[in-house]
Amino acid sequence: MKKLYSTIMMLAMMVAALSFAACGGDDEDDGGGGNISSGSCFIEVSFGGKTYKETISDKWAYAQIDPVGTDDQNKKLTYTYDMTAHFEDTKGFLFMYGIVHYRNKADLLASPTGSYGCAKDILDDSFYNNLTFSPLFEIDGDEYEFINGTHQVKSIKKINNDVYVEGSFTAVFTLDGDTRNLSGSYKMLIP
C-alpha cells in the first residue's frame, strides 16, 4: 500500500511538473563567463562501495509551491528537479532528486552556502524551505523509504541568465530491513 501511495504521489508530482516544464540553458557562450554545456551538470551517487556518475542534460522540470514552513513567508518557492531516472537502465538502481529554492533568482543568489535540510517529499513539512534536497532511490523497481540525510550547498553561481547550484548530500534509505547509506554530489541548473 505504501508503494502504491508513493507511486501515485510521484506520478502526481510529474504531471504537475510537466505542466510547468522548463527547458533551461543553451550551449552558446554570450561572453558571460564561459561556455556552459549540458556536460557541466551531473549527479554522482556512492553506496555499497561503488560510485556512479552521470551527466545531466540541461532540461529541468519545476513546480511552483506556496511558501510555508520556517523560511521567510514572503519569498516564493520553486521545486526544480531532473526527471531522468538516473542509473536505472545501466546500473540496476534508480536515483532522482530535486531542490526547493527561492523563485526569485536574486534571493537564491543571496543565499549562503552551507548546510541545508533534506526531505522525503511534498508531504514532509521540512520540504518547504530554501535549498531543501529531496532524493528518491529504488533498486529493481522497489522504492526505498527515505529516513534522513544531510545537504551541503557548496556553490550558487549565475552564468548567463541561469543559476547553477552545486553541492553534496548523504541519505539513508530502508526497505524491509535493508538499509542503504548513500552519499554523492551534484551540479544542477536552476533555469
C-alpha atoms as a PDB file:
ATOM      1  CA  MET A   1       0.000   0.000   0.000  1.00  0.00           C
ATOM      2  CA  LYS A   2       2.858   2.360   0.894  1.00  0.00           C
ATOM      3  CA  LYS A   3       4.490   1.613  -2.502  1.00  0.00           C
ATOM      4  CA  LEU A   4       1.221   2.329  -4.322  1.00  0.00           C
ATOM      5  CA  TYR A   5       0.736   5.625  -2.460  1.00  0.00           C
ATOM      6  CA  SER A   6       4.337   6.653  -3.143  1.00  0.00           C
ATOM      7  CA  THR A   7       3.979   5.805  -6.830  1.00  0.00           C
ATOM      8  CA  ILE A   8       0.739   7.785  -7.099  1.00  0.00           C
ATOM      9  CA  MET A   9       2.361  10.793  -5.372  1.00  0.00           C
ATOM     10  CA  MET A  10       5.391  10.638  -7.721  1.00  0.00           C
ATOM     11  CA  LEU A  11       3.122  10.457 -10.770  1.00  0.00           C
ATOM     12  CA  ALA A  12       1.059  13.390  -9.467  1.00  0.00           C
ATOM     13  CA  MET A  13       4.235  15.426  -8.994  1.00  0.00           C
ATOM     14  CA  MET A  14       5.392  14.542 -12.518  1.00  0.00           C
ATOM     15  CA  VAL A  15       2.065  15.534 -14.072  1.00  0.00           C
ATOM     16  CA  ALA A  16       2.028  18.814 -12.130  1.00  0.00           C
ATOM     17  CA  ALA A  17       5.632  19.484 -13.025  1.00  0.00           C
ATOM     18  CA  LEU A  18       5.143  18.723 -16.698  1.00  0.00           C
ATOM     19  CA  SER A  19       2.530  21.431 -16.826  1.00  0.00           C
ATOM     20  CA  PHE A  20       5.238  23.831 -15.661  1.00  0.00           C
ATOM     21  CA  ALA A  21       8.130  22.196 -17.543  1.00  0.00           C
ATOM     22  CA  ALA A  22      11.144  24.338 -18.221  1.00  0.00           C
ATOM     23  CA  CYS A  23      13.975  23.861 -20.612  1.00  0.00           C
ATOM     24  CA  GLY A  24      16.881  25.911 -19.460  1.00  0.00           C
ATOM     25  CA  GLY A  25      20.177  26.951 -20.860  1.00  0.00           C
ATOM     26  CA  ASP A  26      21.785  26.529 -24.188  1.00  0.00           C
ATOM     27  CA  ASP A  27      25.294  25.733 -25.306  1.00  0.00           C
ATOM     28  CA  GLU A  28      26.099  29.208 -26.574  1.00  0.00           C
ATOM     29  CA  ASP A  29      28.624  31.476 -24.940  1.00  0.00           C
ATOM     30  CA  ASP A  30      27.481  35.085 -24.676  1.00  0.00           C
ATOM     31  CA  GLY A  31      30.708  36.264 -23.098  1.00  0.00           C
ATOM     32  CA  GLY A  32      29.283  35.946 -19.603  1.00  0.00           C
ATOM     33  CA  GLY A  33      31.899  33.651 -18.119  1.00  0.00           C
ATOM     34  CA  GLY A  34      32.431  30.642 -20.340  1.00  0.00           C
ATOM     35  CA  ASN A  35      30.566  28.051 -22.308  1.00  0.00           C
ATOM     36  CA  ILE A  36      28.067  26.166 -20.170  1.00  0.00           C
ATOM     37  CA  SER A  37      27.103  22.943 -21.885  1.00  0.00           C
ATOM     38  CA  SER A  38      24.892  20.075 -20.839  1.00  0.00           C
ATOM     39  CA  GLY A  39      28.047  18.280 -19.710  1.00  0.00           C
ATOM     40  CA  SER A  40      28.542  20.747 -16.885  1.00  0.00           C
ATOM     41  CA  CYS A  41      25.641  19.341 -14.828  1.00  0.00           C
ATOM     42  CA  PHE A  42      25.999  15.931 -13.175  1.00  0.00           C
ATOM     43  CA  ILE A  43      24.838  13.575 -10.451  1.00  0.00           C
ATOM     44  CA  GLU A  44      27.227  11.301  -8.560  1.00  0.00           C
ATOM     45  CA  VAL A  45      25.984   8.640  -6.132  1.00  0.00           C
ATOM     46  CA  SER A  46      28.036   6.299  -3.933  1.00  0.00           C
ATOM     47  CA  PHE A  47      26.778   3.274  -1.985  1.00  0.00           C
ATOM     48  CA  GLY A  48      27.844  -0.298  -1.407  1.00  0.00           C
ATOM     49  CA  GLY A  49      31.481   0.593  -2.058  1.00  0.00           C
ATOM     50  CA  LYS A  50      30.858   1.837  -5.603  1.00  0.00           C
ATOM     51  CA  THR A  51      30.497   5.298  -7.122  1.00  0.00           C
ATOM     52  CA  TYR A  52      28.280   6.072 -10.103  1.00  0.00           C
ATOM     53  CA  LYS A  53      28.329   9.309 -12.078  1.00  0.00           C
ATOM     54  CA  GLU A  54      26.102  10.537 -14.867  1.00  0.00           C
ATOM     55  CA  THR A  55      25.940  13.716 -16.900  1.00  0.00           C
ATOM     56  CA  ILE A  56      22.622  15.542 -16.722  1.00  0.00           C
ATOM     57  CA  SER A  57      21.042  17.294 -19.677  1.00  0.00           C
ATOM     58  CA  ASP A  58      20.108  20.911 -19.195  1.00  0.00           C
ATOM     59  CA  LYS A  59      16.376  20.189 -19.314  1.00  0.00           C
ATOM     60  CA  TRP A  60      14.832  20.563 -15.899  1.00  0.00           C
ATOM     61  CA  ALA A  61      11.266  20.432 -14.665  1.00  0.00           C
ATOM     62  CA  TYR A  62       9.894  22.657 -11.968  1.00  0.00           C
ATOM     63  CA  ALA A  63       6.776  23.282  -9.951  1.00  0.00           C
ATOM     64  CA  GLN A  64       5.965  26.472  -8.099  1.00  0.00           C
ATOM     65  CA  ILE A  65       4.953  25.886  -4.490  1.00  0.00           C
ATOM     66  CA  ASP A  66       3.443  28.064  -1.798  1.00  0.00           C
ATOM     67  CA  PRO A  67       5.776  29.343   0.922  1.00  0.00           C
ATOM     68  CA  VAL A  68       5.101  27.502   4.165  1.00  0.00           C
ATOM     69  CA  GLY A  69       7.423  26.255   6.879  1.00  0.00           C
ATOM     70  CA  THR A  70      10.277  28.054   8.557  1.00  0.00           C
ATOM     71  CA  ASP A  71      11.655  30.192   5.722  1.00  0.00           C
ATOM     72  CA  ASP A  72      10.648  33.797   5.077  1.00  0.00           C
ATOM     73  CA  GLN A  73       6.928  33.573   4.256  1.00  0.00           C
ATOM     74  CA  ASN A  74       7.186  36.371   1.681  1.00  0.00           C
ATOM     75  CA  LYS A  75       9.673  34.556  -0.539  1.00  0.00           C
ATOM     76  CA  LYS A  76       8.004  32.258  -3.043  1.00  0.00           C
ATOM     77  CA  LEU A  77       9.482  28.826  -3.614  1.00  0.00           C
ATOM     78  CA  THR A  78      10.010  26.548  -6.611  1.00  0.00           C
ATOM     79  CA  TYR A  79      10.877  22.849  -6.730  1.00  0.00           C
ATOM     80  CA  THR A  80      13.354  22.178  -9.553  1.00  0.00           C
ATOM     81  CA  TYR A  81      14.303  18.611 -10.462  1.00  0.00           C
ATOM     82  CA  ASP A  82      15.679  16.458 -13.220  1.00  0.00           C
ATOM     83  CA  MET A  83      13.067  13.893 -14.247  1.00  0.00           C
ATOM     84  CA  THR A  84      15.622  11.417 -15.593  1.00  0.00           C
ATOM     85  CA  ALA A  85      15.681   8.040 -13.846  1.00  0.00           C
ATOM     86  CA  HIS A  86      19.445   8.038 -13.356  1.00  0.00           C
ATOM     87  CA  PHE A  87      21.283   4.684 -13.469  1.00  0.00           C
ATOM     88  CA  GLU A  88      18.064   2.704 -13.976  1.00  0.00           C
ATOM     89  CA  ASP A  89      18.924   1.305 -17.405  1.00  0.00           C
ATOM     90  CA  THR A  90      22.645   0.810 -16.824  1.00  0.00           C
ATOM     91  CA  LYS A  91      23.254   0.027 -13.138  1.00  0.00           C
ATOM     92  CA  GLY A  92      20.083  -1.631 -11.823  1.00  0.00           C
ATOM     93  CA  PHE A  93      19.032   1.121  -9.444  1.00  0.00           C
ATOM     94  CA  LEU A  94      17.244   4.441  -9.817  1.00  0.00           C
ATOM     95  CA  PHE A  95      18.160   7.787  -8.294  1.00  0.00           C
ATOM     96  CA  MET A  96      16.255  11.036  -8.780  1.00  0.00           C
ATOM     97  CA  TYR A  97      16.452  14.310  -6.880  1.00  0.00           C
ATOM     98  CA  GLY A  98      15.301  17.873  -6.727  1.00  0.00           C
ATOM     99  CA  ILE A  99      15.910  21.052  -4.792  1.00  0.00           C
ATOM    100  CA  VAL A 100      13.419  23.524  -3.348  1.00  0.00           C
ATOM    101  CA  HIS A 101      14.661  27.082  -3.766  1.00  0.00           C
ATOM    102  CA  TYR A 102      13.639  30.720  -3.791  1.00  0.00           C
ATOM    103  CA  ARG A 103      11.819  31.521  -7.018  1.00  0.00           C
ATOM    104  CA  ASN A 104      13.418  34.962  -7.274  1.00  0.00           C
ATOM    105  CA  LYS A 105      16.954  34.475  -8.628  1.00  0.00           C
ATOM    106  CA  ALA A 106      18.333  37.434  -6.663  1.00  0.00           C
ATOM    107  CA  ASP A 107      17.063  35.847  -3.423  1.00  0.00           C
ATOM    108  CA  LEU A 108      18.526  32.483  -4.441  1.00  0.00           C
ATOM    109  CA  LEU A 109      21.904  34.026  -5.331  1.00  0.00           C
ATOM    110  CA  ALA A 110      21.954  35.820  -1.972  1.00  0.00           C
ATOM    111  CA  SER A 111      21.502  32.501  -0.129  1.00  0.00           C
ATOM    112  CA  PRO A 112      24.623  31.493   1.790  1.00  0.00           C
ATOM    113  CA  THR A 113      26.425  28.256   1.056  1.00  0.00           C
ATOM    114  CA  GLY A 114      26.440  25.703   3.849  1.00  0.00           C
ATOM    115  CA  SER A 115      24.153  23.128   5.425  1.00  0.00           C
ATOM    116  CA  TYR A 116      20.508  22.792   4.420  1.00  0.00           C
ATOM    117  CA  GLY A 117      17.817  20.199   5.020  1.00  0.00           C
ATOM    118  CA  CYS A 118      16.609  17.075   3.280  1.00  0.00           C
ATOM    119  CA  ALA A 119      13.014  15.964   2.900  1.00  0.00           C
ATOM    120  CA  LYS A 120      11.267  12.840   1.706  1.00  0.00           C
ATOM    121  CA  ASP A 121       8.597  14.516  -0.411  1.00  0.00           C
ATOM    122  CA  ILE A 122       5.993  17.272  -0.539  1.00  0.00           C
ATOM    123  CA  LEU A 123       4.138  15.780   2.423  1.00  0.00           C
ATOM    124  CA  ASP A 124       7.135  16.453   4.701  1.00  0.00           C
ATOM    125  CA  ASP A 125       6.860  19.904   6.337  1.00  0.00           C
ATOM    126  CA  SER A 126      10.641  20.391   6.093  1.00  0.00           C
ATOM    127  CA  PHE A 127      10.279  20.226   2.287  1.00  0.00           C
ATOM    128  CA  TYR A 128       9.092  23.844   2.187  1.00  0.00           C
ATOM    129  CA  ASN A 129      12.417  25.556   2.894  1.00  0.00           C
ATOM    130  CA  ASN A 130      15.012  27.168   0.660  1.00  0.00           C
ATOM    131  CA  LEU A 131      17.634  24.724  -0.688  1.00  0.00           C
ATOM    132  CA  THR A 132      15.994  21.582   0.682  1.00  0.00           C
ATOM    133  CA  PHE A 133      17.288  18.454  -1.069  1.00  0.00           C
ATOM    134  CA  SER A 134      14.746  15.730  -1.909  1.00  0.00           C
ATOM    135  CA  PRO A 135      16.063  12.304  -3.079  1.00  0.00           C
ATOM    136  CA  LEU A 136      14.328   9.200  -4.438  1.00  0.00           C
ATOM    137  CA  PHE A 137      16.030   5.774  -4.501  1.00  0.00           C
ATOM    138  CA  GLU A 138      14.900   2.408  -5.926  1.00  0.00           C
ATOM    139  CA  ILE A 139      16.538  -0.939  -6.551  1.00  0.00           C
ATOM    140  CA  ASP A 140      14.955  -3.257  -9.114  1.00  0.00           C
ATOM    141  CA  GLY A 141      11.742  -1.210  -9.050  1.00  0.00           C
ATOM    142  CA  ASP A 142      11.349  -1.309  -5.255  1.00  0.00           C
ATOM    143  CA  GLU A 143      11.265   2.165  -3.738  1.00  0.00           C
ATOM    144  CA  TYR A 144      13.255   2.573  -0.552  1.00  0.00           C
ATOM    145  CA  GLU A 145      11.889   4.867   2.132  1.00  0.00           C
ATOM    146  CA  PHE A 146      13.966   7.968   2.834  1.00  0.00           C
ATOM    147  CA  ILE A 147      14.849   8.094   6.551  1.00  0.00           C
ATOM    148  CA  ASN A 148      17.180  11.090   6.883  1.00  0.00           C
ATOM    149  CA  GLY A 149      20.060  12.893   5.244  1.00  0.00           C
ATOM    150  CA  THR A 150      22.298  15.918   5.009  1.00  0.00           C
ATOM    151  CA  HIS A 151      22.698  18.518   2.292  1.00  0.00           C
ATOM    152  CA  GLN A 152      25.700  20.788   1.842  1.00  0.00           C
ATOM    153  CA  VAL A 153      25.458  23.592  -0.741  1.00  0.00           C
ATOM    154  CA  LYS A 154      28.962  24.421  -1.972  1.00  0.00           C
ATOM    155  CA  SER A 155      28.269  26.939  -4.725  1.00  0.00           C
ATOM    156  CA  ILE A 156      25.456  29.110  -6.095  1.00  0.00           C
ATOM    157  CA  LYS A 157      26.516  30.963  -9.261  1.00  0.00           C
ATOM    158  CA  LYS A 158      24.856  32.908 -12.025  1.00  0.00           C
ATOM    159  CA  ILE A 159      26.124  32.153 -15.515  1.00  0.00           C
ATOM    160  CA  ASN A 160      24.420  33.960 -18.370  1.00  0.00           C
ATOM    161  CA  ASN A 161      20.718  34.028 -17.361  1.00  0.00           C
ATOM    162  CA  ASP A 162      20.777  30.834 -15.334  1.00  0.00           C
ATOM    163  CA  VAL A 163      21.777  29.889 -11.804  1.00  0.00           C
ATOM    164  CA  TYR A 164      23.796  26.761 -11.070  1.00  0.00           C
ATOM    165  CA  VAL A 165      23.759  25.111  -7.650  1.00  0.00           C
ATOM    166  CA  GLU A 166      26.464  22.658  -6.683  1.00  0.00           C
ATOM    167  CA  GLY A 167      26.581  20.563  -3.546  1.00  0.00           C
ATOM    168  CA  SER A 168      26.845  17.224  -1.807  1.00  0.00           C
ATOM    169  CA  PHE A 169      24.464  15.017   0.174  1.00  0.00           C
ATOM    170  CA  THR A 170      24.103  11.941   2.322  1.00  0.00           C
ATOM    171  CA  ALA A 171      20.898   9.932   2.543  1.00  0.00           C
ATOM    172  CA  VAL A 172      19.735   6.875   4.468  1.00  0.00           C
ATOM    173  CA  PHE A 173      17.041   4.694   2.893  1.00  0.00           C
ATOM    174  CA  THR A 174      15.401   1.485   4.079  1.00  0.00           C
ATOM    175  CA  LEU A 175      13.124  -1.229   2.707  1.00  0.00           C
ATOM    176  CA  ASP A 176      12.059  -4.303   4.689  1.00  0.00           C
ATOM    177  CA  GLY A 177      15.119  -4.142   6.956  1.00  0.00           C
ATOM    178  CA  ASP A 178      17.574  -3.451   4.117  1.00  0.00           C
ATOM    179  CA  THR A 179      19.225  -0.103   4.925  1.00  0.00           C
ATOM    180  CA  ARG A 180      21.264   1.738   2.304  1.00  0.00           C
ATOM    181  CA  ASN A 181      23.583   4.662   3.080  1.00  0.00           C
ATOM    182  CA  LEU A 182      24.138   6.873   0.050  1.00  0.00           C
ATOM    183  CA  SER A 183      26.382   9.858  -0.466  1.00  0.00           C
ATOM    184  CA  GLY A 184      27.031  11.943  -3.511  1.00  0.00           C
ATOM    185  CA  SER A 185      27.419  15.253  -5.208  1.00  0.00           C
ATOM    186  CA  TYR A 186      25.666  17.171  -7.952  1.00  0.00           C
ATOM    187  CA  LYS A 187      25.620  20.269 -10.101  1.00  0.00           C
ATOM    188  CA  MET A 188      22.226  21.384 -11.347  1.00  0.00           C
ATOM    189  CA  LEU A 189      20.705  24.174 -13.398  1.00  0.00           C
ATOM    190  CA  ILE A 190      18.040  26.456 -11.943  1.00  0.00           C
ATOM    191  CA  PRO A 191      16.509  27.997 -15.115  1.00  0.00           C
END
